[in-house]
């Protein structure tokens, strides 16, 4: 059975609940922000629970999962979701559902003048996100897809310190997604593993100032979910951010982890380094070691983004970098610049436990 197109979905939502007036797109909302949550599955349950307990928002509708008394489940959750799209009391919509439906609900919400929160753990095509963002900006709305690590105030302080020169001139941001001994979670090549890869690369991109690279070279790199047996043991990519380089290595082979980090980034500078696993960070600088620990707050970041209004789109992201590496891949091994090839050979040897 074929799925309806995006625009057919929007029209179907309107027909389901009647011709409701679109919510007015007035000025920035003040907390608490009324948010309808449309969610399915375990990730959806976590998203709904995060919104339900956050003091910066109110949740008049939860469609798809059970959270307190505001849930609509089973046969009526899609009707409740469609009604929320046209409810003038709902200023924003948070979406965490599988398949093609997140963007369809997001487009419908934007068409009704609502701000949109998208669960960063779901997968989205870059072209669809660009189209959605453009549609939202044309209506003065916010589309928020901030990875959780970027909403952690402690990590923002750590990365601000790096960009302000705490470790000198950044020479290399080394994104790693490696298999630790005894690590049985997220099978190599699965969607969960791919999410770990994107997170590690986004940390490195963040450290380098969210700039797109001048070029990328890959070896054995593939991001499509598939059985582990169909993937190489180790895959690497080198992104030229001149004068710095971003190195990504993913491997299913258990072995030594750089600074104990299995998924994260090690940023090397001329006067120190930063080590970050996406939850906490350590900066080794000339004046000593600084530790940064805090809690991510994606819901609060969304409420602040709505209050601040649409922001200029980010120039680059980890997801864009990973997609670029996948697009650049042309075989089991590609020609690499000598310096990058030497660095990547060292990474491969370390991971595989070679002398």
C-alpha atoms as a PDB file:
ATOM      1  CA  UNK A   1       0.000   0.000   0.000  1.00  0.00           C
ATOM      2  CA  UNK A   2       1.517   3.317  -1.062  1.00  0.00           C
ATOM      3  CA  UNK A   3       1.703   6.178   1.398  1.00  0.00           C
ATOM      4  CA  UNK A   4       0.120   9.526   0.587  1.00  0.00           C
ATOM      5  CA  UNK A   5       2.302  12.402  -0.479  1.00  0.00           C
ATOM      6  CA  UNK A   6       3.206  15.129   1.992  1.00  0.00           C
ATOM      7  CA  UNK A   7       0.588  17.531   0.639  1.00  0.00           C
ATOM      8  CA  UNK A   8      -2.029  14.779   0.486  1.00  0.00           C
ATOM      9  CA  UNK A   9      -1.276  14.095   4.142  1.00  0.00           C
ATOM     10  CA  UNK A  10      -1.836  17.728   5.047  1.00  0.00           C
ATOM     11  CA  UNK A  11      -5.137  17.834   3.166  1.00  0.00           C
ATOM     12  CA  UNK A  12      -6.218  14.561   4.765  1.00  0.00           C
ATOM     13  CA  UNK A  13      -5.496  15.924   8.214  1.00  0.00           C
ATOM     14  CA  UNK A  14      -7.697  18.934   7.517  1.00  0.00           C
ATOM     15  CA  UNK A  15     -10.518  16.776   6.179  1.00  0.00           C
ATOM     16  CA  UNK A  16     -10.352  14.540   9.225  1.00  0.00           C
ATOM     17  CA  UNK A  17     -11.159  17.273  11.708  1.00  0.00           C
ATOM     18  CA  UNK A  18     -12.978  19.764   9.520  1.00  0.00           C
ATOM     19  CA  UNK A  19     -11.855  23.050   8.136  1.00  0.00           C
ATOM     20  CA  UNK A  20     -10.269  24.557  11.241  1.00  0.00           C
ATOM     21  CA  UNK A  21      -8.654  27.952  11.160  1.00  0.00           C
ATOM     22  CA  UNK A  22      -4.885  27.975  11.154  1.00  0.00           C
ATOM     23  CA  UNK A  23      -3.209  29.107  14.333  1.00  0.00           C
ATOM     24  CA  UNK A  24      -2.049  32.684  14.124  1.00  0.00           C
ATOM     25  CA  UNK A  25       1.686  33.157  13.921  1.00  0.00           C
ATOM     26  CA  UNK A  26       2.095  35.986  16.360  1.00  0.00           C
ATOM     27  CA  UNK A  27       5.175  37.020  18.298  1.00  0.00           C
ATOM     28  CA  UNK A  28       7.424  34.754  20.289  1.00  0.00           C
ATOM     29  CA  UNK A  29       5.674  32.687  22.914  1.00  0.00           C
ATOM     30  CA  UNK A  30       6.420  33.255  26.593  1.00  0.00           C
ATOM     31  CA  UNK A  31       6.868  30.259  28.899  1.00  0.00           C
ATOM     32  CA  UNK A  32       5.057  28.075  29.590  1.00  0.00           C
ATOM     33  CA  UNK A  33       4.749  27.194  25.919  1.00  0.00           C
ATOM     34  CA  UNK A  34       1.650  25.101  25.001  1.00  0.00           C
ATOM     35  CA  UNK A  35       2.979  22.092  23.065  1.00  0.00           C
ATOM     36  CA  UNK A  36       1.071  19.166  21.590  1.00  0.00           C
ATOM     37  CA  UNK A  37       3.132  15.972  21.526  1.00  0.00           C
ATOM     38  CA  UNK A  38       2.675  13.447  18.711  1.00  0.00           C
ATOM     39  CA  UNK A  39       4.717  10.371  19.573  1.00  0.00           C
ATOM     40  CA  UNK A  40       4.968   6.619  19.050  1.00  0.00           C
ATOM     41  CA  UNK A  41       7.315   3.905  20.298  1.00  0.00           C
ATOM     42  CA  UNK A  42       9.950   4.028  23.022  1.00  0.00           C
ATOM     43  CA  UNK A  43      11.688   7.154  21.675  1.00  0.00           C
ATOM     44  CA  UNK A  44       8.275   8.805  21.517  1.00  0.00           C
ATOM     45  CA  UNK A  45       7.565   7.862  25.122  1.00  0.00           C
ATOM     46  CA  UNK A  46      10.822   9.482  26.204  1.00  0.00           C
ATOM     47  CA  UNK A  47      10.064  12.634  24.212  1.00  0.00           C
ATOM     48  CA  UNK A  48       6.533  12.873  25.628  1.00  0.00           C
ATOM     49  CA  UNK A  49       7.764  12.339  29.186  1.00  0.00           C
ATOM     50  CA  UNK A  50      10.448  15.021  28.774  1.00  0.00           C
ATOM     51  CA  UNK A  51       7.862  17.576  27.658  1.00  0.00           C
ATOM     52  CA  UNK A  52       5.312  16.558  30.279  1.00  0.00           C
ATOM     53  CA  UNK A  53       7.703  17.159  33.181  1.00  0.00           C
ATOM     54  CA  UNK A  54       9.415  20.307  31.890  1.00  0.00           C
ATOM     55  CA  UNK A  55       8.445  23.566  33.669  1.00  0.00           C
ATOM     56  CA  UNK A  56       8.968  25.651  30.527  1.00  0.00           C
ATOM     57  CA  UNK A  57       6.079  24.076  28.619  1.00  0.00           C
ATOM     58  CA  UNK A  58       2.524  22.858  29.082  1.00  0.00           C
ATOM     59  CA  UNK A  59       1.248  19.773  27.269  1.00  0.00           C
ATOM     60  CA  UNK A  60      -2.510  19.934  26.527  1.00  0.00           C
ATOM     61  CA  UNK A  61      -2.394  16.947  24.133  1.00  0.00           C
ATOM     62  CA  UNK A  62      -0.288  13.796  23.906  1.00  0.00           C
ATOM     63  CA  UNK A  63      -1.261  11.662  20.922  1.00  0.00           C
ATOM     64  CA  UNK A  64       0.173   8.178  20.470  1.00  0.00           C
ATOM     65  CA  UNK A  65       1.649   7.219  23.849  1.00  0.00           C
ATOM     66  CA  UNK A  66       0.420   7.268  27.429  1.00  0.00           C
ATOM     67  CA  UNK A  67       1.635  10.111  29.633  1.00  0.00           C
ATOM     68  CA  UNK A  68      -0.635  10.953  32.556  1.00  0.00           C
ATOM     69  CA  UNK A  69      -4.202  11.893  31.657  1.00  0.00           C
ATOM     70  CA  UNK A  70      -3.473  13.748  28.444  1.00  0.00           C
ATOM     71  CA  UNK A  71      -2.894  10.693  26.259  1.00  0.00           C
ATOM     72  CA  UNK A  72      -4.838   9.582  23.214  1.00  0.00           C
ATOM     73  CA  UNK A  73      -4.035   6.022  22.190  1.00  0.00           C
ATOM     74  CA  UNK A  74      -5.136   3.186  19.936  1.00  0.00           C
ATOM     75  CA  UNK A  75      -7.606   4.082  17.190  1.00  0.00           C
ATOM     76  CA  UNK A  76      -8.050   7.754  18.117  1.00  0.00           C
ATOM     77  CA  UNK A  77      -4.459   8.971  18.351  1.00  0.00           C
ATOM     78  CA  UNK A  78      -4.230  10.078  14.710  1.00  0.00           C
ATOM     79  CA  UNK A  79      -7.488  12.004  15.061  1.00  0.00           C
ATOM     80  CA  UNK A  80      -6.167  13.663  18.227  1.00  0.00           C
ATOM     81  CA  UNK A  81      -2.930  14.521  16.422  1.00  0.00           C
ATOM     82  CA  UNK A  82      -4.811  16.073  13.501  1.00  0.00           C
ATOM     83  CA  UNK A  83      -7.011  18.079  15.869  1.00  0.00           C
ATOM     84  CA  UNK A  84      -3.929  19.413  17.625  1.00  0.00           C
ATOM     85  CA  UNK A  85      -2.637  20.747  14.310  1.00  0.00           C
ATOM     86  CA  UNK A  86      -5.624  23.103  14.030  1.00  0.00           C
ATOM     87  CA  UNK A  87      -6.090  23.911  17.732  1.00  0.00           C
ATOM     88  CA  UNK A  88      -5.406  27.652  18.233  1.00  0.00           C
ATOM     89  CA  UNK A  89      -4.525  26.988  21.875  1.00  0.00           C
ATOM     90  CA  UNK A  90      -1.539  24.863  20.761  1.00  0.00           C
ATOM     91  CA  UNK A  91       1.415  27.059  19.849  1.00  0.00           C
ATOM     92  CA  UNK A  92       3.894  24.300  18.991  1.00  0.00           C
ATOM     93  CA  UNK A  93       4.040  20.604  18.104  1.00  0.00           C
ATOM     94  CA  UNK A  94       6.658  18.062  19.191  1.00  0.00           C
ATOM     95  CA  UNK A  95       6.926  15.062  16.852  1.00  0.00           C
ATOM     96  CA  UNK A  96       8.595  11.710  17.520  1.00  0.00           C
ATOM     97  CA  UNK A  97       7.090   9.003  15.330  1.00  0.00           C
ATOM     98  CA  UNK A  98       8.759   6.435  13.041  1.00  0.00           C
ATOM     99  CA  UNK A  99       8.836   6.188   9.276  1.00  0.00           C
ATOM    100  CA  UNK A 100       7.915   9.075   6.947  1.00  0.00           C
ATOM    101  CA  UNK A 101       5.351  10.537   9.325  1.00  0.00           C
ATOM    102  CA  UNK A 102       7.521  12.950  11.371  1.00  0.00           C
ATOM    103  CA  UNK A 103       8.112  15.300   8.447  1.00  0.00           C
ATOM    104  CA  UNK A 104       4.519  15.022   7.274  1.00  0.00           C
ATOM    105  CA  UNK A 105       3.241  16.076  10.673  1.00  0.00           C
ATOM    106  CA  UNK A 106       5.926  18.764  10.779  1.00  0.00           C
ATOM    107  CA  UNK A 107       4.869  20.236   7.429  1.00  0.00           C
ATOM    108  CA  UNK A 108       1.239  20.165   8.541  1.00  0.00           C
ATOM    109  CA  UNK A 109       2.126  21.981  11.777  1.00  0.00           C
ATOM    110  CA  UNK A 110       4.114  24.637   9.938  1.00  0.00           C
ATOM    111  CA  UNK A 111       1.243  25.110   7.485  1.00  0.00           C
ATOM    112  CA  UNK A 112      -0.932  25.875  10.523  1.00  0.00           C
ATOM    113  CA  UNK A 113       1.488  28.442  11.905  1.00  0.00           C
ATOM    114  CA  UNK A 114       2.993  26.305  14.649  1.00  0.00           C
ATOM    115  CA  UNK A 115       6.587  25.866  15.748  1.00  0.00           C
ATOM    116  CA  UNK A 116       7.972  22.337  15.483  1.00  0.00           C
ATOM    117  CA  UNK A 117      10.246  20.185  17.631  1.00  0.00           C
ATOM    118  CA  UNK A 118      11.674  17.125  15.867  1.00  0.00           C
ATOM    119  CA  UNK A 119      13.203  14.237  17.793  1.00  0.00           C
ATOM    120  CA  UNK A 120      16.876  14.231  16.809  1.00  0.00           C
ATOM    121  CA  UNK A 121      17.042  10.430  17.196  1.00  0.00           C
ATOM    122  CA  UNK A 122      14.771   9.892  14.191  1.00  0.00           C
ATOM    123  CA  UNK A 123      16.229   9.886  10.699  1.00  0.00           C
ATOM    124  CA  UNK A 124      15.540  12.697   8.210  1.00  0.00           C
ATOM    125  CA  UNK A 125      16.688  13.281   4.655  1.00  0.00           C
ATOM    126  CA  UNK A 126      18.755  16.451   4.313  1.00  0.00           C
ATOM    127  CA  UNK A 127      16.695  17.698   1.352  1.00  0.00           C
ATOM    128  CA  UNK A 128      13.429  17.254   3.271  1.00  0.00           C
ATOM    129  CA  UNK A 129      14.826  19.107   6.289  1.00  0.00           C
ATOM    130  CA  UNK A 130      15.980  21.958   4.068  1.00  0.00           C
ATOM    131  CA  UNK A 131      12.518  22.213   2.511  1.00  0.00           C
ATOM    132  CA  UNK A 132      10.842  22.120   5.928  1.00  0.00           C
ATOM    133  CA  UNK A 133      13.171  24.767   7.341  1.00  0.00           C
ATOM    134  CA  UNK A 134      12.568  27.040   4.367  1.00  0.00           C
ATOM    135  CA  UNK A 135       8.799  26.661   4.721  1.00  0.00           C
ATOM    136  CA  UNK A 136       9.008  27.448   8.438  1.00  0.00           C
ATOM    137  CA  UNK A 137      11.190  30.519   7.938  1.00  0.00           C
ATOM    138  CA  UNK A 138       8.786  31.832   5.298  1.00  0.00           C
ATOM    139  CA  UNK A 139       6.048  31.725   7.948  1.00  0.00           C
ATOM    140  CA  UNK A 140       8.201  33.034  10.779  1.00  0.00           C
ATOM    141  CA  UNK A 141       8.150  29.682  12.558  1.00  0.00           C
ATOM    142  CA  UNK A 142      10.880  27.663  14.268  1.00  0.00           C
ATOM    143  CA  UNK A 143      11.893  24.111  13.373  1.00  0.00           C
ATOM    144  CA  UNK A 144      14.083  22.738  16.155  1.00  0.00           C
ATOM    145  CA  UNK A 145      16.271  19.673  15.657  1.00  0.00           C
ATOM    146  CA  UNK A 146      19.047  20.232  18.161  1.00  0.00           C
ATOM    147  CA  UNK A 147      20.938  17.100  19.221  1.00  0.00           C
ATOM    148  CA  UNK A 148      20.783  16.666  22.980  1.00  0.00           C
ATOM    149  CA  UNK A 149      24.505  17.334  23.465  1.00  0.00           C
ATOM    150  CA  UNK A 150      24.137  20.812  21.960  1.00  0.00           C
ATOM    151  CA  UNK A 151      21.550  21.721  24.600  1.00  0.00           C
ATOM    152  CA  UNK A 152      23.897  20.841  27.488  1.00  0.00           C
ATOM    153  CA  UNK A 153      25.067  24.170  29.016  1.00  0.00           C
ATOM    154  CA  UNK A 154      28.219  22.555  30.443  1.00  0.00           C
ATOM    155  CA  UNK A 155      29.269  21.274  27.025  1.00  0.00           C
ATOM    156  CA  UNK A 156      28.572  24.665  25.485  1.00  0.00           C
ATOM    157  CA  UNK A 157      30.996  26.176  27.996  1.00  0.00           C
ATOM    158  CA  UNK A 158      33.641  23.555  27.166  1.00  0.00           C
ATOM    159  CA  UNK A 159      33.377  24.067  23.413  1.00  0.00           C
ATOM    160  CA  UNK A 160      33.309  27.847  23.841  1.00  0.00           C
ATOM    161  CA  UNK A 161      36.580  27.484  25.784  1.00  0.00           C
ATOM    162  CA  UNK A 162      38.122  25.548  22.892  1.00  0.00           C
ATOM    163  CA  UNK A 163      37.016  28.122  20.340  1.00  0.00           C
ATOM    164  CA  UNK A 164      38.377  30.915  22.538  1.00  0.00           C
ATOM    165  CA  UNK A 165      41.864  29.377  22.495  1.00  0.00           C
ATOM    166  CA  UNK A 166      41.996  27.336  25.711  1.00  0.00           C
ATOM    167  CA  UNK A 167      43.895  24.538  23.927  1.00  0.00           C
ATOM    168  CA  UNK A 168      45.665  26.762  21.424  1.00  0.00           C
ATOM    169  CA  UNK A 169      45.190  26.346  17.684  1.00  0.00           C
ATOM    170  CA  UNK A 170      42.989  23.360  16.899  1.00  0.00           C
ATOM    171  CA  UNK A 171      44.836  20.934  14.639  1.00  0.00           C
ATOM    172  CA  UNK A 172      42.621  17.861  14.629  1.00  0.00           C
ATOM    173  CA  UNK A 173      39.144  16.877  15.784  1.00  0.00           C
ATOM    174  CA  UNK A 174      39.069  13.102  16.041  1.00  0.00           C
ATOM    175  CA  UNK A 175      35.525  11.706  16.025  1.00  0.00           C
ATOM    176  CA  UNK A 176      35.366   8.098  17.174  1.00  0.00           C
ATOM    177  CA  UNK A 177      32.631   5.497  17.248  1.00  0.00           C
ATOM    178  CA  UNK A 178      34.364   2.368  18.464  1.00  0.00           C
ATOM    179  CA  UNK A 179      33.434  -0.933  20.056  1.00  0.00           C
ATOM    180  CA  UNK A 180      34.520  -1.190  23.666  1.00  0.00           C
ATOM    181  CA  UNK A 181      35.255  -4.584  25.225  1.00  0.00           C
ATOM    182  CA  UNK A 182      31.965  -6.122  26.320  1.00  0.00           C
ATOM    183  CA  UNK A 183      29.902  -3.513  24.443  1.00  0.00           C
ATOM    184  CA  UNK A 184      26.852  -5.367  23.114  1.00  0.00           C
ATOM    185  CA  UNK A 185      24.584  -2.376  22.454  1.00  0.00           C
ATOM    186  CA  UNK A 186      23.812  -0.946  19.012  1.00  0.00           C
ATOM    187  CA  UNK A 187      25.090  -3.674  16.637  1.00  0.00           C
ATOM    188  CA  UNK A 188      27.634  -2.440  14.138  1.00  0.00           C
ATOM    189  CA  UNK A 189      25.806  -1.115  11.080  1.00  0.00           C
ATOM    190  CA  UNK A 190      22.427  -0.754  12.838  1.00  0.00           C
ATOM    191  CA  UNK A 191      20.380   2.440  12.976  1.00  0.00           C
ATOM    192  CA  UNK A 192      21.469   2.857  16.603  1.00  0.00           C
ATOM    193  CA  UNK A 193      25.113   2.589  15.574  1.00  0.00           C
ATOM    194  CA  UNK A 194      24.558   5.138  12.812  1.00  0.00           C
ATOM    195  CA  UNK A 195      23.109   7.537  15.387  1.00  0.00           C
ATOM    196  CA  UNK A 196      26.288   7.137  17.462  1.00  0.00           C
ATOM    197  CA  UNK A 197      28.399   7.929  14.397  1.00  0.00           C
ATOM    198  CA  UNK A 198      26.381  11.087  13.678  1.00  0.00           C
ATOM    199  CA  UNK A 199      26.692  12.196  17.311  1.00  0.00           C
ATOM    200  CA  UNK A 200      30.462  11.785  17.371  1.00  0.00           C
ATOM    201  CA  UNK A 201      30.898  13.650  14.081  1.00  0.00           C
ATOM    202  CA  UNK A 202      28.579  16.437  15.199  1.00  0.00           C
ATOM    203  CA  UNK A 203      30.717  16.946  18.300  1.00  0.00           C
ATOM    204  CA  UNK A 204      33.766  17.315  16.063  1.00  0.00           C
ATOM    205  CA  UNK A 205      31.942  19.666  13.680  1.00  0.00           C
ATOM    206  CA  UNK A 206      30.849  21.729  16.679  1.00  0.00           C
ATOM    207  CA  UNK A 207      34.426  21.967  17.907  1.00  0.00           C
ATOM    208  CA  UNK A 208      35.522  23.231  14.477  1.00  0.00           C
ATOM    209  CA  UNK A 209      32.917  25.972  14.398  1.00  0.00           C
ATOM    210  CA  UNK A 210      30.179  24.293  12.298  1.00  0.00           C
ATOM    211  CA  UNK A 211      32.051  24.965   9.061  1.00  0.00           C
ATOM    212  CA  UNK A 212      31.635  22.747   5.996  1.00  0.00           C
ATOM    213  CA  UNK A 213      34.847  21.010   4.873  1.00  0.00           C
ATOM    214  CA  UNK A 214      36.722  21.818   1.693  1.00  0.00           C
ATOM    215  CA  UNK A 215      36.967  18.109   0.818  1.00  0.00           C
ATOM    216  CA  UNK A 216      36.436  14.618   2.205  1.00  0.00           C
ATOM    217  CA  UNK A 217      38.262  11.342   1.589  1.00  0.00           C
ATOM    218  CA  UNK A 218      36.966   7.977   2.764  1.00  0.00           C
ATOM    219  CA  UNK A 219      38.133   4.390   3.135  1.00  0.00           C
ATOM    220  CA  UNK A 220      35.707   1.516   3.697  1.00  0.00           C
ATOM    221  CA  UNK A 221      32.986   3.948   4.781  1.00  0.00           C
ATOM    222  CA  UNK A 222      29.276   3.148   4.561  1.00  0.00           C
ATOM    223  CA  UNK A 223      26.358   4.459   6.646  1.00  0.00           C
ATOM    224  CA  UNK A 224      23.507   2.282   5.380  1.00  0.00           C
ATOM    225  CA  UNK A 225      22.096  -0.014   8.120  1.00  0.00           C
ATOM    226  CA  UNK A 226      22.999  -3.593   7.217  1.00  0.00           C
ATOM    227  CA  UNK A 227      24.275  -6.792   8.873  1.00  0.00           C
ATOM    228  CA  UNK A 228      27.659  -6.385  10.493  1.00  0.00           C
ATOM    229  CA  UNK A 229      29.087  -9.154   8.322  1.00  0.00           C
ATOM    230  CA  UNK A 230      28.521  -6.970   5.256  1.00  0.00           C
ATOM    231  CA  UNK A 231      30.628  -4.117   6.626  1.00  0.00           C
ATOM    232  CA  UNK A 232      34.400  -3.733   6.900  1.00  0.00           C
ATOM    233  CA  UNK A 233      35.838  -4.040  10.402  1.00  0.00           C
ATOM    234  CA  UNK A 234      37.062  -0.463  10.307  1.00  0.00           C
ATOM    235  CA  UNK A 235      36.004   2.540   8.239  1.00  0.00           C
ATOM    236  CA  UNK A 236      37.557   5.991   8.231  1.00  0.00           C
ATOM    237  CA  UNK A 237      36.933   9.414   6.745  1.00  0.00           C
ATOM    238  CA  UNK A 238      39.073  12.553   6.634  1.00  0.00           C
ATOM    239  CA  UNK A 239      37.461  15.993   6.287  1.00  0.00           C
ATOM    240  CA  UNK A 240      39.662  18.924   5.261  1.00  0.00           C
ATOM    241  CA  UNK A 241      38.800  21.942   7.430  1.00  0.00           C
ATOM    242  CA  UNK A 242      42.146  23.669   6.694  1.00  0.00           C
ATOM    243  CA  UNK A 243      44.229  24.171   8.654  1.00  0.00           C
ATOM    244  CA  UNK A 244      42.480  21.629  10.893  1.00  0.00           C
ATOM    245  CA  UNK A 245      41.368  18.135   9.896  1.00  0.00           C
ATOM    246  CA  UNK A 246      38.371  16.157  11.129  1.00  0.00           C
ATOM    247  CA  UNK A 247      39.082  12.430  11.326  1.00  0.00           C
ATOM    248  CA  UNK A 248      36.246   9.938  11.777  1.00  0.00           C
ATOM    249  CA  UNK A 249      36.821   6.302  12.630  1.00  0.00           C
ATOM    250  CA  UNK A 250      34.153   3.703  13.250  1.00  0.00           C
ATOM    251  CA  UNK A 251      35.044   0.125  14.065  1.00  0.00           C
ATOM    252  CA  UNK A 252      33.402  -3.069  15.295  1.00  0.00           C
ATOM    253  CA  UNK A 253      36.726  -4.418  16.545  1.00  0.00           C
ATOM    254  CA  UNK A 254      37.100  -4.066  20.350  1.00  0.00           C
ATOM    255  CA  UNK A 255      40.349  -2.446  21.287  1.00  0.00           C
ATOM    256  CA  UNK A 256      42.051   0.528  22.949  1.00  0.00           C
ATOM    257  CA  UNK A 257      39.861   3.613  23.149  1.00  0.00           C
ATOM    258  CA  UNK A 258      41.391   7.102  22.850  1.00  0.00           C
ATOM    259  CA  UNK A 259      41.219   8.691  26.306  1.00  0.00           C
ATOM    260  CA  UNK A 260      38.648   6.042  27.233  1.00  0.00           C
ATOM    261  CA  UNK A 261      36.056   7.419  24.781  1.00  0.00           C
ATOM    262  CA  UNK A 262      34.082   4.894  22.710  1.00  0.00           C
ATOM    263  CA  UNK A 263      31.714   7.435  21.160  1.00  0.00           C
ATOM    264  CA  UNK A 264      32.693  11.082  21.141  1.00  0.00           C
ATOM    265  CA  UNK A 265      35.494  13.400  20.138  1.00  0.00           C
ATOM    266  CA  UNK A 266      39.104  14.139  21.039  1.00  0.00           C
ATOM    267  CA  UNK A 267      40.122  17.619  19.901  1.00  0.00           C
ATOM    268  CA  UNK A 268      43.878  18.149  19.689  1.00  0.00           C
ATOM    269  CA  UNK A 269      45.283  21.672  19.894  1.00  0.00           C
ATOM    270  CA  UNK A 270      48.734  23.229  19.939  1.00  0.00           C
ATOM    271  CA  UNK A 271      48.480  23.746  23.713  1.00  0.00           C
ATOM    272  CA  UNK A 272      46.181  20.986  24.951  1.00  0.00           C
ATOM    273  CA  UNK A 273      43.144  18.917  24.087  1.00  0.00           C
ATOM    274  CA  UNK A 274      39.443  18.442  24.759  1.00  0.00           C
ATOM    275  CA  UNK A 275      37.873  15.030  25.400  1.00  0.00           C
ATOM    276  CA  UNK A 276      34.076  14.750  25.195  1.00  0.00           C
ATOM    277  CA  UNK A 277      31.679  11.789  25.152  1.00  0.00           C
ATOM    278  CA  UNK A 278      28.562  13.869  24.479  1.00  0.00           C
ATOM    279  CA  UNK A 279      27.574  14.053  28.162  1.00  0.00           C
ATOM    280  CA  UNK A 280      30.640  15.542  29.863  1.00  0.00           C
ATOM    281  CA  UNK A 281      33.898  17.095  28.748  1.00  0.00           C
ATOM    282  CA  UNK A 282      37.457  17.513  30.012  1.00  0.00           C
ATOM    283  CA  UNK A 283      39.730  20.303  28.776  1.00  0.00           C
ATOM    284  CA  UNK A 284      43.477  19.751  29.252  1.00  0.00           C
ATOM    285  CA  UNK A 285      45.015  23.221  29.012  1.00  0.00           C
ATOM    286  CA  UNK A 286      48.261  24.911  30.026  1.00  0.00           C
ATOM    287  CA  UNK A 287      46.683  26.208  33.224  1.00  0.00           C
ATOM    288  CA  UNK A 288      45.366  22.815  34.304  1.00  0.00           C
ATOM    289  CA  UNK A 289      42.488  20.429  33.764  1.00  0.00           C
ATOM    290  CA  UNK A 290      38.917  21.705  33.625  1.00  0.00           C
ATOM    291  CA  UNK A 291      35.949  19.355  33.905  1.00  0.00           C
ATOM    292  CA  UNK A 292      32.494  20.180  32.556  1.00  0.00           C
ATOM    293  CA  UNK A 293      29.459  18.167  33.589  1.00  0.00           C
ATOM    294  CA  UNK A 294      25.816  19.042  33.098  1.00  0.00           C
ATOM    295  CA  UNK A 295      22.441  17.832  31.905  1.00  0.00           C
ATOM    296  CA  UNK A 296      21.113  18.225  28.369  1.00  0.00           C
ATOM    297  CA  UNK A 297      17.881  20.210  28.099  1.00  0.00           C
ATOM    298  CA  UNK A 298      16.426  19.810  24.593  1.00  0.00           C
ATOM    299  CA  UNK A 299      12.919  20.838  25.682  1.00  0.00           C
ATOM    300  CA  UNK A 300      14.158  24.022  27.338  1.00  0.00           C
ATOM    301  CA  UNK A 301      16.299  24.773  24.286  1.00  0.00           C
ATOM    302  CA  UNK A 302      13.196  24.460  22.099  1.00  0.00           C
ATOM    303  CA  UNK A 303      11.177  26.801  24.320  1.00  0.00           C
ATOM    304  CA  UNK A 304      14.000  29.356  24.211  1.00  0.00           C
ATOM    305  CA  UNK A 305      14.295  29.023  20.432  1.00  0.00           C
ATOM    306  CA  UNK A 306      10.578  29.716  20.042  1.00  0.00           C
ATOM    307  CA  UNK A 307      10.842  32.753  22.321  1.00  0.00           C
ATOM    308  CA  UNK A 308      13.853  34.059  20.377  1.00  0.00           C
ATOM    309  CA  UNK A 309      12.274  33.492  16.959  1.00  0.00           C
ATOM    310  CA  UNK A 310      13.757  31.888  13.828  1.00  0.00           C
ATOM    311  CA  UNK A 311      17.548  31.814  13.795  1.00  0.00           C
ATOM    312  CA  UNK A 312      19.841  31.649  10.771  1.00  0.00           C
ATOM    313  CA  UNK A 313      20.303  28.019   9.680  1.00  0.00           C
ATOM    314  CA  UNK A 314      23.494  26.304  10.827  1.00  0.00           C
ATOM    315  CA  UNK A 315      26.178  26.176   8.165  1.00  0.00           C
ATOM    316  CA  UNK A 316      27.024  22.533   8.863  1.00  0.00           C
ATOM    317  CA  UNK A 317      26.223  19.591  11.120  1.00  0.00           C
ATOM    318  CA  UNK A 318      27.381  16.094  11.938  1.00  0.00           C
ATOM    319  CA  UNK A 319      24.519  14.571   9.939  1.00  0.00           C
ATOM    320  CA  UNK A 320      25.529  16.615   6.882  1.00  0.00           C
ATOM    321  CA  UNK A 321      29.158  15.524   7.293  1.00  0.00           C
ATOM    322  CA  UNK A 322      28.252  11.841   7.542  1.00  0.00           C
ATOM    323  CA  UNK A 323      26.052  12.126   4.471  1.00  0.00           C
ATOM    324  CA  UNK A 324      28.906  13.806   2.621  1.00  0.00           C
ATOM    325  CA  UNK A 325      31.226  10.929   3.554  1.00  0.00           C
ATOM    326  CA  UNK A 326      28.682   8.384   2.336  1.00  0.00           C
ATOM    327  CA  UNK A 327      28.250  10.260  -0.936  1.00  0.00           C
ATOM    328  CA  UNK A 328      32.014  10.465  -1.402  1.00  0.00           C
ATOM    329  CA  UNK A 329      32.557   6.751  -0.886  1.00  0.00           C
ATOM    330  CA  UNK A 330      33.481   5.031  -4.146  1.00  0.00           C
ATOM    331  CA  UNK A 331      34.805   1.635  -3.080  1.00  0.00           C
ATOM    332  CA  UNK A 332      36.588  -0.343  -0.406  1.00  0.00           C
ATOM    333  CA  UNK A 333      39.519   2.075  -0.416  1.00  0.00           C
ATOM    334  CA  UNK A 334      40.035   5.520  -1.922  1.00  0.00           C
ATOM    335  CA  UNK A 335      43.158   7.532  -2.489  1.00  0.00           C
ATOM    336  CA  UNK A 336      43.932   9.722   0.513  1.00  0.00           C
ATOM    337  CA  UNK A 337      46.347  12.603   0.977  1.00  0.00           C
ATOM    338  CA  UNK A 338      49.580  11.296   2.494  1.00  0.00           C
ATOM    339  CA  UNK A 339      49.160  13.037   5.865  1.00  0.00           C
ATOM    340  CA  UNK A 340      45.576  11.853   6.258  1.00  0.00           C
ATOM    341  CA  UNK A 341      46.439   8.332   5.129  1.00  0.00           C
ATOM    342  CA  UNK A 342      49.251   8.139   7.718  1.00  0.00           C
ATOM    343  CA  UNK A 343      46.969   9.384  10.507  1.00  0.00           C
ATOM    344  CA  UNK A 344      44.192   6.996   9.544  1.00  0.00           C
ATOM    345  CA  UNK A 345      46.600   4.067   9.341  1.00  0.00           C
ATOM    346  CA  UNK A 346      47.637   4.866  12.898  1.00  0.00           C
ATOM    347  CA  UNK A 347      44.035   4.923  14.038  1.00  0.00           C
ATOM    348  CA  UNK A 348      43.320   1.622  12.306  1.00  0.00           C
ATOM    349  CA  UNK A 349      46.379   0.001  13.929  1.00  0.00           C
ATOM    350  CA  UNK A 350      45.389   1.256  17.374  1.00  0.00           C
ATOM    351  CA  UNK A 351      41.850  -0.030  17.085  1.00  0.00           C
ATOM    352  CA  UNK A 352      42.902  -3.408  15.772  1.00  0.00           C
ATOM    353  CA  UNK A 353      45.587  -3.779  18.418  1.00  0.00           C
ATOM    354  CA  UNK A 354      48.460  -3.948  15.952  1.00  0.00           C
ATOM    355  CA  UNK A 355      52.005  -3.253  17.243  1.00  0.00           C
END
